Amino acid sequence: MDEKIESLIGTMKVMTRDNLGVVINPISLDDGVLTIEYFEGENEDCPECLMSPDSFQDMLKRMCSIQAPHVTDVSVIELKSE
């Protein structure tokens, strides 16, 4: 991963840090498609603070279009809780 993508991933981790068990794991960047494993975690005190996988994907796509335009799409692999 390049520095711009690492920075964006760091931003997303900060945005979701209050949720327990969040997983944001970049897997690959192939032909402009960024693939990331994601689990939204849990937040009993603020369930509306959880970022659904679709919302996560949409936000990351928008951020990439501005800060890392070489990323043309984002693919999210949704992890399930055990």
C-alpha atoms as a PDB file:
ATOM      1  CA  MET A   1       0.000   0.000   0.000  1.00  0.00           C
ATOM      2  CA  ASP A   2       1.171   3.507  -0.622  1.00  0.00           C
ATOM      3  CA  GLU A   3       1.368   6.383   1.825  1.00  0.00           C
ATOM      4  CA  LYS A   4      -1.912   8.003   0.712  1.00  0.00           C
ATOM      5  CA  ILE A   5      -3.875   4.805   1.238  1.00  0.00           C
ATOM      6  CA  GLU A   6      -2.213   4.177   4.602  1.00  0.00           C
ATOM      7  CA  SER A   7      -3.228   7.694   5.644  1.00  0.00           C
ATOM      8  CA  LEU A   8      -6.843   7.113   4.589  1.00  0.00           C
ATOM      9  CA  ILE A   9      -6.951   3.795   6.466  1.00  0.00           C
ATOM     10  CA  GLY A  10      -5.569   5.580   9.527  1.00  0.00           C
ATOM     11  CA  THR A  11      -8.323   8.189   9.270  1.00  0.00           C
ATOM     12  CA  MET A  12     -10.988   5.490   9.057  1.00  0.00           C
ATOM     13  CA  LYS A  13      -9.510   3.762  12.123  1.00  0.00           C
ATOM     14  CA  VAL A  14      -9.676   7.032  14.079  1.00  0.00           C
ATOM     15  CA  MET A  15     -13.303   7.537  13.007  1.00  0.00           C
ATOM     16  CA  THR A  16     -14.297   4.074  14.279  1.00  0.00           C
ATOM     17  CA  ARG A  17     -12.064   3.875  17.364  1.00  0.00           C
ATOM     18  CA  ASP A  18     -14.936   4.097  19.878  1.00  0.00           C
ATOM     19  CA  ASN A  19     -16.417   0.850  18.582  1.00  0.00           C
ATOM     20  CA  LEU A  20     -15.101  -2.342  20.160  1.00  0.00           C
ATOM     21  CA  GLY A  21     -13.647  -4.982  17.871  1.00  0.00           C
ATOM     22  CA  VAL A  22     -13.465  -2.948  14.662  1.00  0.00           C
ATOM     23  CA  VAL A  23     -11.351  -4.576  11.953  1.00  0.00           C
ATOM     24  CA  ILE A  24      -9.985  -2.541   9.044  1.00  0.00           C
ATOM     25  CA  ASN A  25      -7.434  -4.625   7.199  1.00  0.00           C
ATOM     26  CA  PRO A  26      -6.216  -3.573   3.751  1.00  0.00           C
ATOM     27  CA  ILE A  27      -5.665  -6.661   1.596  1.00  0.00           C
ATOM     28  CA  SER A  28      -4.601  -5.448  -1.837  1.00  0.00           C
ATOM     29  CA  LEU A  29      -4.603  -2.742  -4.461  1.00  0.00           C
ATOM     30  CA  ASP A  30      -4.962  -4.335  -7.893  1.00  0.00           C
ATOM     31  CA  ASP A  31      -5.767  -2.415 -11.071  1.00  0.00           C
ATOM     32  CA  GLY A  32      -7.096   0.515  -9.026  1.00  0.00           C
ATOM     33  CA  VAL A  33      -9.354  -1.626  -6.811  1.00  0.00           C
ATOM     34  CA  LEU A  34      -8.612  -1.387  -3.096  1.00  0.00           C
ATOM     35  CA  THR A  35      -9.757  -4.503  -1.231  1.00  0.00           C
ATOM     36  CA  ILE A  36     -10.283  -4.253   2.524  1.00  0.00           C
ATOM     37  CA  GLU A  37     -11.558  -6.614   5.212  1.00  0.00           C
ATOM     38  CA  TYR A  38     -13.971  -4.807   7.517  1.00  0.00           C
ATOM     39  CA  PHE A  39     -15.946  -5.527  10.671  1.00  0.00           C
ATOM     40  CA  GLU A  40     -17.948  -2.687  12.200  1.00  0.00           C
ATOM     41  CA  GLY A  41     -17.495  -3.828  15.792  1.00  0.00           C
ATOM     42  CA  GLU A  42     -19.896  -3.150  18.635  1.00  0.00           C
ATOM     43  CA  ASN A  43     -20.908  -0.106  20.635  1.00  0.00           C
ATOM     44  CA  GLU A  44     -23.565  -0.694  23.293  1.00  0.00           C
ATOM     45  CA  ASP A  45     -23.522   2.964  24.393  1.00  0.00           C
ATOM     46  CA  CYS A  46     -23.979   4.310  20.861  1.00  0.00           C
ATOM     47  CA  PRO A  47     -25.342   1.712  18.398  1.00  0.00           C
ATOM     48  CA  GLU A  48     -25.955   4.464  15.831  1.00  0.00           C
ATOM     49  CA  CYS A  49     -22.202   5.207  15.904  1.00  0.00           C
ATOM     50  CA  LEU A  50     -21.453   1.934  14.102  1.00  0.00           C
ATOM     51  CA  MET A  51     -20.496   2.319  10.445  1.00  0.00           C
ATOM     52  CA  SER A  52     -22.150  -0.332   8.300  1.00  0.00           C
ATOM     53  CA  PRO A  53     -19.984  -1.985   5.640  1.00  0.00           C
ATOM     54  CA  ASP A  54     -21.904  -0.116   2.899  1.00  0.00           C
ATOM     55  CA  SER A  55     -21.385   3.232   4.631  1.00  0.00           C
ATOM     56  CA  PHE A  56     -17.707   2.409   5.220  1.00  0.00           C
ATOM     57  CA  GLN A  57     -17.267   1.549   1.544  1.00  0.00           C
ATOM     58  CA  ASP A  58     -19.051   4.708   0.346  1.00  0.00           C
ATOM     59  CA  MET A  59     -17.052   6.971   2.645  1.00  0.00           C
ATOM     60  CA  LEU A  60     -13.731   5.384   1.713  1.00  0.00           C
ATOM     61  CA  LYS A  61     -14.559   5.670  -2.013  1.00  0.00           C
ATOM     62  CA  ARG A  62     -15.309   9.381  -1.596  1.00  0.00           C
ATOM     63  CA  MET A  63     -12.102   9.934   0.375  1.00  0.00           C
ATOM     64  CA  CYS A  64     -10.052   8.047  -2.225  1.00  0.00           C
ATOM     65  CA  SER A  65     -11.529  10.071  -5.082  1.00  0.00           C
ATOM     66  CA  ILE A  66     -10.044  13.200  -3.496  1.00  0.00           C
ATOM     67  CA  GLN A  67      -6.890  12.008  -1.742  1.00  0.00           C
ATOM     68  CA  ALA A  68      -5.908   8.886  -3.726  1.00  0.00           C
ATOM     69  CA  PRO A  69      -7.458   9.192  -7.198  1.00  0.00           C
ATOM     70  CA  HIS A  70      -5.465   6.194  -8.453  1.00  0.00           C
ATOM     71  CA  VAL A  71      -7.974   4.117  -6.436  1.00  0.00           C
ATOM     72  CA  THR A  72     -10.948   3.717  -8.770  1.00  0.00           C
ATOM     73  CA  ASP A  73     -13.042   1.394  -6.609  1.00  0.00           C
ATOM     74  CA  VAL A  74     -13.208  -0.055  -3.105  1.00  0.00           C
ATOM     75  CA  SER A  75     -14.180  -3.652  -2.415  1.00  0.00           C
ATOM     76  CA  VAL A  76     -15.136  -4.497   1.173  1.00  0.00           C
ATOM     77  CA  ILE A  77     -14.973  -8.041   2.490  1.00  0.00           C
ATOM     78  CA  GLU A  78     -17.412  -8.040   5.385  1.00  0.00           C
ATOM     79  CA  LEU A  79     -16.184 -10.029   8.362  1.00  0.00           C
ATOM     80  CA  LYS A  80     -18.753 -11.559  10.686  1.00  0.00           C
ATOM     81  CA  SER A  81     -18.621 -11.656  14.481  1.00  0.00           C
ATOM     82  CA  GLU A  82     -17.849 -15.010  16.010  1.00  0.00           C
END
